[in-house]
Each structure stands twice: as C-alpha cells, then as structure tokens.
Amino acid sequence: MKKVTLLFLLLSVMIVGSLFAVQTIKLVAWTIGPDDPSINRKINLDKAAEMLNQILKASGSDVRVKLISSFDSTDWSSYKQRALIAFKSPEQQLDIITSGHDDIGMWAKAGYIIPLDKYIKEFWNMGLYDIIPSLWNAMN
C-alpha cells in the first residue's frame, strides 16, 4: 500500500509541476559588423530578451524567451551567404538578422522575412508608440 501511495504522490507532483512549467521559446539572432560599435547590435538584443523575460515573469506569464545571439565580424558576403543557407535549411533556425535595406525586397519575395505591420498595430500600446514617428515612416 505504501508503494501505491508513494507512486500516486510522485505522479501527482509530476502532473502539478508540468501544469506550472515555464514554456521557453527559443529565438536565434545573427548580427554583424566589423567595427567595434556594431557589437551593440548583439548586446542590445541580449538586453531586450532579458527585459522581456523580466516583464513576462512580473506579469505572471509562464512563457520565457531564450535568445541565442551571435556577432559576426568576418564580411557581409559570407554572412549573407550563410543567412541564405540558414533560410533554406529546415534544421537551421534564424529569427532575427541584421542586414541592409538592399536585402529586403529579395528576402521578402522569397518568404524569408515577413511584414510586421499587423504586429505593430496589435502591440502598439506595449510601447511601440514611443518610437520616433519618422522611423516608422522610413519602414513603409
């Protein structure tokens, strides 16, 4: 009887624990820049992920973000070539990438990047209104 009770308690703890388990969403970010200040592209993303996790925790959410970020200091050509390979590979995850405006048309047409318009509208009140208006205009 003690074994059955112990097994029941153990299963109960596992079930209750899984109900309150934190779901982690993994995001992969690639940044580039041969000059020293460009490392801030990576550092800012890392800080943003930390801030987001603090907000999620404080709000009682059971979701967290795990950011895998990298900073490349080789050259744009090899970086973009690796990005195209990653975009096409089902095994490679690439969620955030630093690039130039010259890639937007080609990558959008290929389906590698998506418009953020609907997300901007949906999450406007979460602080997006604080971004300088001319920067939004530049994105359109």
C-alpha atoms as a PDB file:
ATOM      1  CA  MET A   1       0.000   0.000   0.000  1.00  0.00           C
ATOM      2  CA  LYS A   2       2.859   2.370   0.804  1.00  0.00           C
ATOM      3  CA  LYS A   3       4.289   1.815  -2.702  1.00  0.00           C
ATOM      4  CA  VAL A   4       0.960   2.702  -4.301  1.00  0.00           C
ATOM      5  CA  THR A   5       0.637   5.829  -2.140  1.00  0.00           C
ATOM      6  CA  LEU A   6       4.214   6.849  -2.920  1.00  0.00           C
ATOM      7  CA  LEU A   7       3.662   6.272  -6.643  1.00  0.00           C
ATOM      8  CA  PHE A   8       0.444   8.296  -6.521  1.00  0.00           C
ATOM      9  CA  LEU A   9       2.177  11.186  -4.739  1.00  0.00           C
ATOM     10  CA  LEU A  10       5.068  11.110  -7.182  1.00  0.00           C
ATOM     11  CA  LEU A  11       2.723  11.178 -10.189  1.00  0.00           C
ATOM     12  CA  SER A  12       0.677  13.979  -8.604  1.00  0.00           C
ATOM     13  CA  VAL A  13       3.794  16.093  -8.092  1.00  0.00           C
ATOM     14  CA  MET A  14       4.865  15.475 -11.701  1.00  0.00           C
ATOM     15  CA  ILE A  15       1.434  16.404 -13.073  1.00  0.00           C
ATOM     16  CA  VAL A  16       1.111  19.541 -10.947  1.00  0.00           C
ATOM     17  CA  GLY A  17       4.683  20.511 -11.814  1.00  0.00           C
ATOM     18  CA  SER A  18       4.002  20.168 -15.529  1.00  0.00           C
ATOM     19  CA  LEU A  19       0.923  22.386 -15.223  1.00  0.00           C
ATOM     20  CA  PHE A  20       3.085  25.224 -13.906  1.00  0.00           C
ATOM     21  CA  ALA A  21       6.109  24.560 -16.101  1.00  0.00           C
ATOM     22  CA  VAL A  22       7.565  27.532 -17.899  1.00  0.00           C
ATOM     23  CA  GLN A  23       7.405  27.339 -21.676  1.00  0.00           C
ATOM     24  CA  THR A  24      10.616  28.579 -23.279  1.00  0.00           C
ATOM     25  CA  ILE A  25      10.610  29.995 -26.779  1.00  0.00           C
ATOM     26  CA  LYS A  26      13.995  29.829 -28.442  1.00  0.00           C
ATOM     27  CA  LEU A  27      14.975  32.654 -30.759  1.00  0.00           C
ATOM     28  CA  VAL A  28      18.147  32.823 -32.843  1.00  0.00           C
ATOM     29  CA  ALA A  29      19.624  36.213 -33.750  1.00  0.00           C
ATOM     30  CA  TRP A  30      22.558  36.944 -36.052  1.00  0.00           C
ATOM     31  CA  THR A  31      24.295  40.309 -36.080  1.00  0.00           C
ATOM     32  CA  ILE A  32      27.306  41.579 -38.000  1.00  0.00           C
ATOM     33  CA  GLY A  33      29.708  44.458 -38.148  1.00  0.00           C
ATOM     34  CA  PRO A  34      33.425  44.680 -38.441  1.00  0.00           C
ATOM     35  CA  ASP A  35      33.564  47.944 -36.485  1.00  0.00           C
ATOM     36  CA  ASP A  36      33.622  47.944 -32.679  1.00  0.00           C
ATOM     37  CA  PRO A  37      30.283  49.749 -32.067  1.00  0.00           C
ATOM     38  CA  SER A  38      28.448  47.089 -34.098  1.00  0.00           C
ATOM     39  CA  ILE A  39      28.727  44.638 -31.198  1.00  0.00           C
ATOM     40  CA  ASN A  40      25.935  46.725 -29.651  1.00  0.00           C
ATOM     41  CA  ARG A  41      23.537  45.133 -32.129  1.00  0.00           C
ATOM     42  CA  LYS A  42      24.034  41.839 -30.290  1.00  0.00           C
ATOM     43  CA  ILE A  43      24.263  43.369 -26.827  1.00  0.00           C
ATOM     44  CA  ASN A  44      21.000  45.285 -27.325  1.00  0.00           C
ATOM     45  CA  LEU A  45      19.173  42.136 -28.398  1.00  0.00           C
ATOM     46  CA  ASP A  46      20.529  40.270 -25.358  1.00  0.00           C
ATOM     47  CA  LYS A  47      19.370  43.081 -23.062  1.00  0.00           C
ATOM     48  CA  ALA A  48      15.957  43.197 -24.752  1.00  0.00           C
ATOM     49  CA  ALA A  49      15.489  39.461 -24.182  1.00  0.00           C
ATOM     50  CA  GLU A  50      16.409  39.889 -20.506  1.00  0.00           C
ATOM     51  CA  MET A  51      13.957  42.781 -20.151  1.00  0.00           C
ATOM     52  CA  LEU A  52      11.212  40.814 -21.909  1.00  0.00           C
ATOM     53  CA  ASN A  53      11.733  37.865 -19.559  1.00  0.00           C
ATOM     54  CA  GLN A  54      11.510  40.203 -16.553  1.00  0.00           C
ATOM     55  CA  ILE A  55       8.245  41.644 -17.878  1.00  0.00           C
ATOM     56  CA  LEU A  56       6.850  38.176 -18.597  1.00  0.00           C
ATOM     57  CA  LYS A  57       7.785  36.945 -15.118  1.00  0.00           C
ATOM     58  CA  ALA A  58       6.361  40.030 -13.392  1.00  0.00           C
ATOM     59  CA  SER A  59       3.100  39.651 -15.301  1.00  0.00           C
ATOM     60  CA  GLY A  60       2.758  36.035 -14.182  1.00  0.00           C
ATOM     61  CA  SER A  61       3.271  34.596 -17.649  1.00  0.00           C
ATOM     62  CA  ASP A  62       4.525  31.038 -17.976  1.00  0.00           C
ATOM     63  CA  VAL A  63       6.424  31.948 -21.156  1.00  0.00           C
ATOM     64  CA  ARG A  64      10.088  32.922 -21.369  1.00  0.00           C
ATOM     65  CA  VAL A  65      12.430  33.692 -24.239  1.00  0.00           C
ATOM     66  CA  LYS A  66      15.819  32.098 -24.700  1.00  0.00           C
ATOM     67  CA  LEU A  67      17.863  34.146 -27.138  1.00  0.00           C
ATOM     68  CA  ILE A  68      20.817  32.552 -28.911  1.00  0.00           C
ATOM     69  CA  SER A  69      22.643  35.537 -30.361  1.00  0.00           C
ATOM     70  CA  SER A  70      25.856  35.813 -32.311  1.00  0.00           C
ATOM     71  CA  PHE A  71      28.052  38.580 -33.621  1.00  0.00           C
ATOM     72  CA  ASP A  72      29.908  38.031 -36.881  1.00  0.00           C
ATOM     73  CA  SER A  73      32.891  40.179 -37.756  1.00  0.00           C
ATOM     74  CA  THR A  74      34.015  38.492 -40.971  1.00  0.00           C
ATOM     75  CA  ASP A  75      32.472  40.099 -44.063  1.00  0.00           C
ATOM     76  CA  TRP A  76      28.994  40.815 -45.407  1.00  0.00           C
ATOM     77  CA  SER A  77      29.304  38.462 -48.366  1.00  0.00           C
ATOM     78  CA  SER A  78      29.951  35.295 -46.370  1.00  0.00           C
ATOM     79  CA  TYR A  79      27.474  36.386 -43.688  1.00  0.00           C
ATOM     80  CA  LYS A  80      24.672  36.810 -46.250  1.00  0.00           C
ATOM     81  CA  GLN A  81      25.591  33.525 -47.927  1.00  0.00           C
ATOM     82  CA  ARG A  82      25.304  31.721 -44.569  1.00  0.00           C
ATOM     83  CA  ALA A  83      21.980  33.507 -43.979  1.00  0.00           C
ATOM     84  CA  LEU A  84      20.559  32.249 -47.286  1.00  0.00           C
ATOM     85  CA  ILE A  85      21.646  28.723 -46.413  1.00  0.00           C
ATOM     86  CA  ALA A  86      20.020  29.080 -42.991  1.00  0.00           C
ATOM     87  CA  PHE A  87      16.787  30.425 -44.506  1.00  0.00           C
ATOM     88  CA  LYS A  88      16.547  27.392 -46.797  1.00  0.00           C
ATOM     89  CA  SER A  89      17.569  24.803 -44.215  1.00  0.00           C
ATOM     90  CA  PRO A  90      14.847  23.079 -42.189  1.00  0.00           C
ATOM     91  CA  GLU A  91      17.427  22.301 -39.472  1.00  0.00           C
ATOM     92  CA  GLN A  92      18.660  25.873 -39.049  1.00  0.00           C
ATOM     93  CA  GLN A  93      16.651  28.403 -37.084  1.00  0.00           C
ATOM     94  CA  LEU A  94      17.158  32.093 -37.815  1.00  0.00           C
ATOM     95  CA  ASP A  95      14.601  34.511 -36.361  1.00  0.00           C
ATOM     96  CA  ILE A  96      16.361  37.880 -36.200  1.00  0.00           C
ATOM     97  CA  ILE A  97      19.030  39.046 -38.615  1.00  0.00           C
ATOM     98  CA  THR A  98      20.985  42.230 -39.160  1.00  0.00           C
ATOM     99  CA  SER A  99      21.113  43.239 -42.779  1.00  0.00           C
ATOM    100  CA  GLY A 100      20.721  46.170 -45.111  1.00  0.00           C
ATOM    101  CA  HIS A 101      17.775  47.596 -46.964  1.00  0.00           C
ATOM    102  CA  ASP A 102      19.079  46.083 -50.205  1.00  0.00           C
ATOM    103  CA  ASP A 103      18.127  42.575 -48.997  1.00  0.00           C
ATOM    104  CA  ILE A 104      14.539  43.343 -48.006  1.00  0.00           C
ATOM    105  CA  GLY A 105      12.913  43.004 -51.437  1.00  0.00           C
ATOM    106  CA  MET A 106      14.640  39.763 -52.358  1.00  0.00           C
ATOM    107  CA  TRP A 107      14.181  38.163 -48.929  1.00  0.00           C
ATOM    108  CA  ALA A 108      10.531  39.227 -48.687  1.00  0.00           C
ATOM    109  CA  LYS A 109       9.731  37.878 -52.156  1.00  0.00           C
ATOM    110  CA  ALA A 110      11.353  34.565 -51.205  1.00  0.00           C
ATOM    111  CA  GLY A 111       9.340  34.450 -47.962  1.00  0.00           C
ATOM    112  CA  TYR A 112      12.390  34.674 -45.691  1.00  0.00           C
ATOM    113  CA  ILE A 113      11.113  37.778 -43.923  1.00  0.00           C
ATOM    114  CA  ILE A 114       7.588  38.937 -43.183  1.00  0.00           C
ATOM    115  CA  PRO A 115       5.923  42.338 -42.838  1.00  0.00           C
ATOM    116  CA  LEU A 116       5.452  43.452 -39.241  1.00  0.00           C
ATOM    117  CA  ASP A 117       2.552  45.844 -39.892  1.00  0.00           C
ATOM    118  CA  LYS A 118      -0.117  43.731 -38.205  1.00  0.00           C
ATOM    119  CA  TYR A 119       2.111  43.137 -35.164  1.00  0.00           C
ATOM    120  CA  ILE A 120       2.884  46.839 -34.866  1.00  0.00           C
ATOM    121  CA  LYS A 121      -0.841  47.599 -34.767  1.00  0.00           C
ATOM    122  CA  GLU A 122      -1.566  44.718 -32.382  1.00  0.00           C
ATOM    123  CA  PHE A 123       1.177  45.597 -29.893  1.00  0.00           C
ATOM    124  CA  TRP A 124       1.180  49.387 -30.337  1.00  0.00           C
ATOM    125  CA  ASN A 125       0.208  50.049 -26.720  1.00  0.00           C
ATOM    126  CA  MET A 126       3.041  47.939 -25.375  1.00  0.00           C
ATOM    127  CA  GLY A 127       5.489  50.757 -26.038  1.00  0.00           C
ATOM    128  CA  LEU A 128       5.783  50.911 -29.804  1.00  0.00           C
ATOM    129  CA  TYR A 129       4.216  54.392 -29.737  1.00  0.00           C
ATOM    130  CA  ASP A 130       7.434  55.551 -28.064  1.00  0.00           C
ATOM    131  CA  ILE A 131       9.454  55.029 -31.264  1.00  0.00           C
ATOM    132  CA  ILE A 132      10.263  58.193 -33.236  1.00  0.00           C
ATOM    133  CA  PRO A 133       7.490  58.555 -35.872  1.00  0.00           C
ATOM    134  CA  SER A 134       9.888  59.228 -38.764  1.00  0.00           C
ATOM    135  CA  LEU A 135      11.472  55.816 -38.153  1.00  0.00           C
ATOM    136  CA  TRP A 136       8.097  54.128 -38.785  1.00  0.00           C
ATOM    137  CA  ASN A 137       7.700  56.175 -41.975  1.00  0.00           C
ATOM    138  CA  ALA A 138      11.109  55.023 -43.154  1.00  0.00           C
ATOM    139  CA  MET A 139       9.962  51.398 -42.841  1.00  0.00           C
ATOM    140  CA  ASN A 140       6.957  51.835 -45.180  1.00  0.00           C
END
